[in-house]
């Protein structure tokens, strides 16, 4: 074959390959180079340890293609979404600790779909082997003597400081409020003798006052300076480890990640169950009534509580969509499933795909990794738990 003709053929083939590689199987265009430019990730702070491990797998599978150092930039989910929607920063992957952040903040301009991939639990965090003491109405106990039967006394005792995330930037903040409101209901139903001995007999609340835990923390401790809102989870870790009687109300995964002790709460409290029975139970409460900002936005505060669903999307302004799809094949596949288990999340066996608009497109190469949203999450409290109130 003539050398000039061969050169022309190779040139044309190169152009065609470049055109094909610039698009995903469903029409996503790659606006930036997908080579050494790498992939950028922004996510909920609680995903830090998990996504760092995902990044290690990424570097093994895609050597030479950079990923955000440490696996991502991590902060409160609402704040992270604002980085995209308000500050117009470009990220290839966005992941939230509350699924409703994506439809409420990023849809329709910055996201057309999301995948729910994991759940978590609200727990009581404390420093193991702590010598700090708590005075429980004259009985002096060490911080690490907290357990499944006395935890509500420890965290509401006078002089004890409780750390919570700021609900205006981080879903863990308003989820903690919801969990403690549910705790009041649960304990009055299941152990009202111990509950009343403490909240009525010691703290002076009315008998069977299901709001006593919430009010003791978010109002009494707030007024006395013993409620500590934090912006990032690392701050809560540092606070709890000071050697003073400090506790946190946050995700179980954080306790494991930071080497903290934790009290596992019943499913009726921890927001970790996703079946219809749990969803209806959680929907009894919301996060309203806390000091301004701590319960999230007004719509979040008034919305019924629901399970904790972690969700991920590829923002429409992503510059490396091909690489973003590759990243999701790791996160949503067997590797990511094991990483989430390793870092003490509960991965959904088959993640749920949520299309946010009638014309939304989803990368077909990812379809084997997802399933449609179950019907019980498509209406009523289940729908609100997934989508929020402004979808």
Protein backbone atom coordinates (compact mmCIF):
# COMPACT_ATOMS: atom_id res chain seq x y z
CA UNK A 1 0.00 0.00 0.00
CA UNK A 2 1.20 3.52 -0.85
CA UNK A 3 2.70 5.14 2.24
CA UNK A 4 0.80 8.40 1.72
CA UNK A 5 -2.53 6.55 1.46
CA UNK A 6 -1.74 4.59 4.64
CA UNK A 7 -0.92 7.84 6.45
CA UNK A 8 -4.25 9.37 5.43
CA UNK A 9 -6.16 6.28 6.61
CA UNK A 10 -4.40 6.32 9.98
CA UNK A 11 -5.10 10.04 10.34
CA UNK A 12 -8.82 9.57 9.67
CA UNK A 13 -9.03 6.61 12.05
CA UNK A 14 -7.34 8.71 14.73
CA UNK A 15 -9.91 11.48 14.32
CA UNK A 16 -12.79 9.00 14.52
CA UNK A 17 -11.37 7.37 17.64
CA UNK A 18 -10.92 10.76 19.27
CA UNK A 19 -14.52 11.65 18.48
CA UNK A 20 -15.87 8.38 19.88
CA UNK A 21 -13.79 8.59 23.05
CA UNK A 22 -15.05 12.11 23.67
CA UNK A 23 -18.52 10.74 24.39
CA UNK A 24 -19.98 8.18 26.75
CA UNK A 25 -22.39 5.55 25.54
CA UNK A 26 -25.36 7.78 26.35
CA UNK A 27 -24.21 11.07 24.91
CA UNK A 28 -22.17 12.59 27.77
CA UNK A 29 -19.47 14.78 26.29
CA UNK A 30 -16.02 14.95 27.85
CA UNK A 31 -15.24 18.67 27.99
CA UNK A 32 -11.68 18.22 29.21
CA UNK A 33 -8.82 15.89 28.48
CA UNK A 34 -9.15 12.45 30.03
CA UNK A 35 -5.44 11.74 30.23
CA UNK A 36 -3.08 13.10 32.86
CA UNK A 37 -5.51 15.85 33.83
CA UNK A 38 -7.07 13.25 36.12
CA UNK A 39 -10.31 13.11 38.05
CA UNK A 40 -11.60 15.44 40.77
CA UNK A 41 -13.85 14.32 43.63
CA UNK A 42 -15.81 16.30 46.23
CA UNK A 43 -17.81 14.49 48.88
CA UNK A 44 -19.33 14.37 52.34
CA UNK A 45 -16.75 14.50 55.11
CA UNK A 46 -17.87 11.15 56.50
CA UNK A 47 -16.78 9.49 53.23
CA UNK A 48 -13.16 10.55 53.70
CA UNK A 49 -11.73 7.20 54.79
CA UNK A 50 -13.81 5.22 52.29
CA UNK A 51 -12.97 7.43 49.31
CA UNK A 52 -9.29 7.46 50.24
CA UNK A 53 -9.37 3.67 49.92
CA UNK A 54 -11.27 3.94 46.63
CA UNK A 55 -8.53 6.30 45.42
CA UNK A 56 -5.86 3.73 46.26
CA UNK A 57 -7.71 1.22 44.10
CA UNK A 58 -8.03 3.85 41.38
CA UNK A 59 -4.28 4.41 41.35
CA UNK A 60 -3.70 0.68 41.03
CA UNK A 61 -6.20 0.26 38.19
CA UNK A 62 -5.40 3.52 36.39
CA UNK A 63 -1.72 4.23 37.04
CA UNK A 64 -0.61 7.57 35.74
CA UNK A 65 -4.09 9.14 35.87
CA UNK A 66 -4.21 11.48 38.87
CA UNK A 67 -7.05 11.64 41.37
CA UNK A 68 -7.70 14.33 43.97
CA UNK A 69 -5.10 13.85 46.75
CA UNK A 70 -6.50 11.92 49.69
CA UNK A 71 -9.33 10.63 47.51
CA UNK A 72 -11.28 13.88 47.41
CA UNK A 73 -12.09 17.22 48.96
CA UNK A 74 -14.32 16.55 51.98
CA UNK A 75 -16.78 18.82 53.80
CA UNK A 76 -20.44 18.98 54.78
CA UNK A 77 -22.64 17.71 51.94
CA UNK A 78 -24.62 20.95 51.60
CA UNK A 79 -21.46 23.04 51.55
CA UNK A 80 -19.92 20.67 48.99
CA UNK A 81 -22.96 20.97 46.73
CA UNK A 82 -22.73 24.76 46.97
CA UNK A 83 -19.16 24.54 45.71
CA UNK A 84 -20.69 23.35 42.43
CA UNK A 85 -24.03 25.19 42.34
CA UNK A 86 -23.02 28.53 43.87
CA UNK A 87 -19.26 28.84 43.40
CA UNK A 88 -19.35 27.05 40.01
CA UNK A 89 -16.37 24.84 40.75
CA UNK A 90 -15.90 21.86 38.41
CA UNK A 91 -15.79 18.39 39.92
CA UNK A 92 -16.16 15.04 38.19
CA UNK A 93 -17.75 13.22 41.15
CA UNK A 94 -20.05 14.55 43.87
CA UNK A 95 -21.21 12.34 46.76
CA UNK A 96 -23.54 13.33 49.60
CA UNK A 97 -24.43 11.88 53.00
CA UNK A 98 -28.07 12.77 52.32
CA UNK A 99 -29.59 11.91 48.97
CA UNK A 100 -31.97 14.88 48.99
CA UNK A 101 -29.05 17.33 48.68
CA UNK A 102 -28.69 16.41 44.99
CA UNK A 103 -32.29 17.06 43.88
CA UNK A 104 -32.66 20.07 46.18
CA UNK A 105 -29.35 21.83 45.40
CA UNK A 106 -27.95 20.46 42.13
CA UNK A 107 -31.03 19.62 40.05
CA UNK A 108 -31.83 20.62 37.33
CA UNK A 109 -28.77 22.59 36.22
CA UNK A 110 -25.98 20.55 37.76
CA UNK A 111 -27.33 17.00 38.09
CA UNK A 112 -29.83 14.87 36.17
CA UNK A 113 -29.57 11.63 38.13
CA UNK A 114 -28.15 10.12 41.29
CA UNK A 115 -27.30 6.66 42.59
CA UNK A 116 -28.02 5.69 46.20
CA UNK A 117 -25.18 3.40 47.22
CA UNK A 118 -24.90 3.09 51.04
CA UNK A 119 -26.47 3.76 54.42
CA UNK A 120 -25.05 4.66 57.82
CA UNK A 121 -26.25 4.91 61.42
CA UNK A 122 -26.41 7.71 63.96
CA UNK A 123 -24.51 6.63 67.07
CA UNK A 124 -23.23 8.12 70.32
CA UNK A 125 -19.47 8.64 70.04
CA UNK A 126 -17.06 8.75 72.98
CA UNK A 127 -13.38 8.35 73.85
CA UNK A 128 -12.55 4.76 74.77
CA UNK A 129 -10.49 4.26 77.94
CA UNK A 130 -11.26 7.83 79.00
CA UNK A 131 -10.58 8.79 82.61
CA UNK A 132 -12.96 11.76 82.38
CA UNK A 133 -15.92 11.44 84.73
CA UNK A 134 -19.62 12.20 84.50
CA UNK A 135 -21.82 12.94 87.50
CA UNK A 136 -25.10 11.05 87.11
CA UNK A 137 -27.07 12.54 90.01
CA UNK A 138 -24.37 11.79 92.54
CA UNK A 139 -23.04 8.62 90.90
CA UNK A 140 -19.60 9.32 89.39
CA UNK A 141 -18.83 7.26 86.29
CA UNK A 142 -16.08 7.32 83.67
CA UNK A 143 -16.95 8.42 80.15
CA UNK A 144 -16.23 4.94 78.81
CA UNK A 145 -18.85 3.39 81.10
CA UNK A 146 -21.56 4.62 78.76
CA UNK A 147 -23.59 1.77 77.27
CA UNK A 148 -26.84 0.81 75.51
CA UNK A 149 -28.97 1.35 78.64
CA UNK A 150 -27.53 4.54 80.17
CA UNK A 151 -26.37 6.57 77.15
CA UNK A 152 -29.22 9.09 77.33
CA UNK A 153 -28.20 10.01 80.88
CA UNK A 154 -24.54 10.49 79.93
CA UNK A 155 -25.17 12.85 77.03
CA UNK A 156 -27.75 15.00 78.86
CA UNK A 157 -25.96 15.18 82.22
CA UNK A 158 -25.20 18.74 83.44
CA UNK A 159 -21.69 19.88 82.55
CA UNK A 160 -21.25 17.37 79.75
CA UNK A 161 -20.43 18.81 76.30
CA UNK A 162 -22.02 17.29 73.19
CA UNK A 163 -20.65 17.76 69.70
CA UNK A 164 -22.93 17.82 66.66
CA UNK A 165 -22.46 18.82 63.04
CA UNK A 166 -23.87 22.13 61.89
CA UNK A 167 -27.09 21.25 60.09
CA UNK A 168 -26.83 24.25 57.76
CA UNK A 169 -23.81 22.68 56.03
CA UNK A 170 -23.87 19.01 57.00
CA UNK A 171 -26.80 16.54 57.02
CA UNK A 172 -25.34 14.79 60.08
CA UNK A 173 -26.44 17.85 62.05
CA UNK A 174 -30.14 17.64 61.35
CA UNK A 175 -30.03 13.83 61.30
CA UNK A 176 -28.71 13.92 64.88
CA UNK A 177 -31.71 16.04 65.89
CA UNK A 178 -34.10 13.63 64.22
CA UNK A 179 -32.45 10.64 65.90
CA UNK A 180 -32.73 12.16 69.37
CA UNK A 181 -36.39 13.06 68.82
CA UNK A 182 -36.96 9.43 67.82
CA UNK A 183 -35.03 8.34 70.92
CA UNK A 184 -37.53 10.14 73.14
CA UNK A 185 -40.41 8.32 71.48
CA UNK A 186 -38.67 4.97 71.60
CA UNK A 187 -37.55 5.20 75.23
CA UNK A 188 -40.95 6.32 76.49
CA UNK A 189 -42.47 3.36 74.66
CA UNK A 190 -39.88 0.79 75.77
CA UNK A 191 -38.27 1.98 79.02
CA UNK A 192 -40.30 4.84 80.43
CA UNK A 193 -39.37 3.99 84.06
CA UNK A 194 -35.66 4.70 83.56
CA UNK A 195 -36.48 7.56 81.21
CA UNK A 196 -38.75 9.28 83.74
CA UNK A 197 -36.40 8.65 86.65
CA UNK A 198 -33.80 10.67 84.80
CA UNK A 199 -35.65 13.29 82.77
CA UNK A 200 -38.51 13.88 85.24
CA UNK A 201 -36.88 12.98 88.55
CA UNK A 202 -33.43 14.52 87.94
CA UNK A 203 -33.76 17.08 85.14
CA UNK A 204 -37.31 18.20 85.90
CA UNK A 205 -39.05 17.52 82.60
CA UNK A 206 -42.74 16.44 82.54
CA UNK A 207 -43.50 12.73 82.79
CA UNK A 208 -43.19 10.86 79.50
CA UNK A 209 -41.95 13.98 77.70
CA UNK A 210 -40.70 12.51 74.43
CA UNK A 211 -38.98 15.80 73.55
CA UNK A 212 -36.87 15.84 76.71
CA UNK A 213 -33.68 14.53 75.08
CA UNK A 214 -33.91 17.00 72.21
CA UNK A 215 -34.61 19.96 74.48
CA UNK A 216 -31.92 18.99 77.00
CA UNK A 217 -29.28 19.00 74.25
CA UNK A 218 -30.30 21.56 71.63
CA UNK A 219 -31.75 24.11 74.04
CA UNK A 220 -30.36 23.65 77.55
CA UNK A 221 -26.82 22.73 76.48
CA UNK A 222 -26.90 25.36 73.73
CA UNK A 223 -27.78 28.06 76.27
CA UNK A 224 -25.13 26.91 78.75
CA UNK A 225 -22.37 26.57 76.15
CA UNK A 226 -22.26 22.77 76.29
CA UNK A 227 -23.48 22.17 72.74
CA UNK A 228 -20.58 22.27 70.29
CA UNK A 229 -21.56 22.63 66.61
CA UNK A 230 -18.65 21.59 64.36
CA UNK A 231 -18.01 22.20 60.69
CA UNK A 232 -16.00 19.08 59.90
CA UNK A 233 -15.88 15.64 61.49
CA UNK A 234 -12.20 15.95 62.39
CA UNK A 235 -13.15 18.73 64.81
CA UNK A 236 -15.54 16.41 66.63
CA UNK A 237 -12.86 13.73 66.86
CA UNK A 238 -10.41 16.21 68.41
CA UNK A 239 -13.05 17.46 70.84
CA UNK A 240 -14.00 13.99 72.06
CA UNK A 241 -10.36 13.02 72.58
CA UNK A 242 -9.51 16.00 74.81
CA UNK A 243 -9.87 13.92 77.96
CA UNK A 244 -12.91 15.87 79.13
CA UNK A 245 -16.50 14.57 79.38
CA UNK A 246 -17.32 15.15 75.72
CA UNK A 247 -19.58 13.05 73.50
CA UNK A 248 -20.62 13.25 69.87
CA UNK A 249 -23.84 12.41 68.06
CA UNK A 250 -22.83 11.38 64.57
CA UNK A 251 -22.23 8.51 62.17
CA UNK A 252 -21.07 5.09 63.30
CA UNK A 253 -18.53 5.05 60.45
CA UNK A 254 -16.80 8.11 61.94
CA UNK A 255 -16.30 6.33 65.25
CA UNK A 256 -14.61 3.46 63.46
CA UNK A 257 -12.57 5.75 61.23
CA UNK A 258 -11.24 7.88 64.10
CA UNK A 259 -10.78 5.10 66.65
CA UNK A 260 -13.61 6.28 68.89
CA UNK A 261 -15.96 4.18 70.95
CA UNK A 262 -19.62 4.23 70.02
CA UNK A 263 -22.97 3.15 71.39
CA UNK A 264 -25.07 1.39 68.78
CA UNK A 265 -28.67 2.59 68.95
CA UNK A 266 -31.82 0.63 68.06
CA UNK A 267 -33.04 0.85 64.45
CA UNK A 268 -35.98 2.94 65.68
CA UNK A 269 -33.47 5.67 66.55
CA UNK A 270 -30.39 5.34 64.32
CA UNK A 271 -31.94 6.17 60.89
CA UNK A 272 -30.09 3.18 59.48
CA UNK A 273 -32.97 0.94 58.35
CA UNK A 274 -34.46 1.39 54.90
CA UNK A 275 -37.57 -0.81 54.94
CA UNK A 276 -41.08 0.64 54.83
CA UNK A 277 -41.71 -0.02 58.55
CA UNK A 278 -38.64 2.01 59.50
CA UNK A 279 -39.47 4.78 57.04
CA UNK A 280 -42.95 5.23 58.50
CA UNK A 281 -41.52 5.20 62.03
CA UNK A 282 -38.86 7.80 61.22
CA UNK A 283 -41.43 10.05 59.55
CA UNK A 284 -42.95 10.84 62.97
CA UNK A 285 -40.32 13.55 63.54
CA UNK A 286 -38.42 16.32 61.80
CA UNK A 287 -35.51 18.54 62.85
CA UNK A 288 -37.43 21.74 63.53
CA UNK A 289 -37.20 23.57 66.84
CA UNK A 290 -33.42 23.76 67.13
CA UNK A 291 -31.52 27.05 67.24
CA UNK A 292 -31.35 28.77 63.85
CA UNK A 293 -28.98 27.02 61.47
CA UNK A 294 -28.43 23.84 63.42
CA UNK A 295 -31.48 22.09 61.96
CA UNK A 296 -30.62 22.83 58.32
CA UNK A 297 -32.64 24.91 55.91
CA UNK A 298 -36.31 25.65 56.71
CA UNK A 299 -37.45 23.00 54.19
CA UNK A 300 -35.08 20.42 55.67
CA UNK A 301 -36.18 21.23 59.21
CA UNK A 302 -39.86 20.78 58.39
CA UNK A 303 -39.44 17.61 56.30
CA UNK A 304 -40.10 14.25 57.98
CA UNK A 305 -37.05 12.23 58.98
CA UNK A 306 -35.96 9.33 56.81
CA UNK A 307 -33.17 6.79 56.42
CA UNK A 308 -29.62 7.96 55.79
CA UNK A 309 -28.97 7.37 52.08
CA UNK A 310 -25.58 8.21 50.59
CA UNK A 311 -25.87 9.30 46.96
CA UNK A 312 -23.44 10.02 44.13
CA UNK A 313 -23.68 11.75 40.76
CA UNK A 314 -21.56 13.04 37.92
CA UNK A 315 -22.23 16.79 37.79
CA UNK A 316 -23.23 18.15 34.41
CA UNK A 317 -20.26 20.53 34.60
CA UNK A 318 -17.75 17.69 35.06
CA UNK A 319 -14.71 18.02 32.81
CA UNK A 320 -13.75 14.34 32.68
CA UNK A 321 -16.95 12.34 32.33
CA UNK A 322 -15.25 9.28 30.87
CA UNK A 323 -13.02 9.06 33.93
CA UNK A 324 -15.98 9.75 36.21
CA UNK A 325 -17.78 6.74 34.77
CA UNK A 326 -14.67 4.66 35.35
CA UNK A 327 -14.63 5.86 38.96
CA UNK A 328 -18.23 4.79 39.48
CA UNK A 329 -17.51 1.32 38.13
CA UNK A 330 -15.14 1.01 41.09
CA UNK A 331 -17.38 2.63 43.71
CA UNK A 332 -20.58 0.81 42.68
CA UNK A 333 -18.92 -2.50 41.90
CA UNK A 334 -17.43 -5.27 44.09
CA UNK A 335 -14.34 -3.22 44.98
CA UNK A 336 -16.36 -0.28 46.28
CA UNK A 337 -18.78 -2.62 48.06
CA UNK A 338 -15.90 -4.10 50.05
CA UNK A 339 -14.34 -0.70 50.70
CA UNK A 340 -17.61 0.52 52.22
CA UNK A 341 -17.78 -2.55 54.46
CA UNK A 342 -14.14 -2.00 55.48
CA UNK A 343 -14.94 1.57 56.51
CA UNK A 344 -18.13 0.62 58.42
CA UNK A 345 -20.83 1.73 56.04
CA UNK A 346 -23.70 -0.52 54.96
CA UNK A 347 -23.50 -0.70 51.15
CA UNK A 348 -26.76 -1.33 49.33
CA UNK A 349 -26.47 -4.80 47.73
CA UNK A 350 -27.59 -3.27 44.44
CA UNK A 351 -27.51 0.54 44.38
CA UNK A 352 -30.67 2.45 43.45
CA UNK A 353 -30.79 4.63 40.35
CA UNK A 354 -32.89 7.81 40.55
CA UNK A 355 -33.53 9.77 37.34
CA UNK A 356 -34.35 13.35 38.32
CA UNK A 357 -35.91 14.58 35.10
CA UNK A 358 -37.97 13.21 32.23
CA UNK A 359 -35.09 13.72 29.81
CA UNK A 360 -32.34 12.50 32.13
CA UNK A 361 -29.74 10.19 30.61
CA UNK A 362 -27.63 7.74 32.56
CA UNK A 363 -24.40 6.11 31.30
CA UNK A 364 -25.51 2.74 29.94
CA UNK A 365 -22.18 1.17 30.87
CA UNK A 366 -23.19 1.66 34.53
CA UNK A 367 -26.62 0.02 34.22
CA UNK A 368 -25.36 -3.43 35.37
CA UNK A 369 -24.39 -1.83 38.70
CA UNK A 370 -27.81 -0.36 39.59
CA UNK A 371 -31.48 -1.18 39.95
CA UNK A 372 -34.59 1.01 39.77
CA UNK A 373 -35.73 2.73 42.93
CA UNK A 374 -38.11 0.36 44.80
CA UNK A 375 -41.79 1.32 44.62
CA UNK A 376 -42.06 2.02 48.36
CA UNK A 377 -39.47 4.79 47.88
CA UNK A 378 -41.36 6.33 44.97
CA UNK A 379 -44.19 7.84 46.99
CA UNK A 380 -45.15 9.09 50.46
CA UNK A 381 -42.56 9.30 53.25
CA UNK A 382 -40.18 7.07 51.27
CA UNK A 383 -40.12 9.50 48.38
CA UNK A 384 -39.55 12.47 50.70
CA UNK A 385 -36.75 10.58 52.44
CA UNK A 386 -34.96 10.16 49.11
CA UNK A 387 -35.85 13.38 47.33
CA UNK A 388 -36.57 15.97 50.01
CA UNK A 389 -39.38 18.49 49.73
CA UNK A 390 -38.19 20.66 46.83
CA UNK A 391 -37.59 18.02 44.16
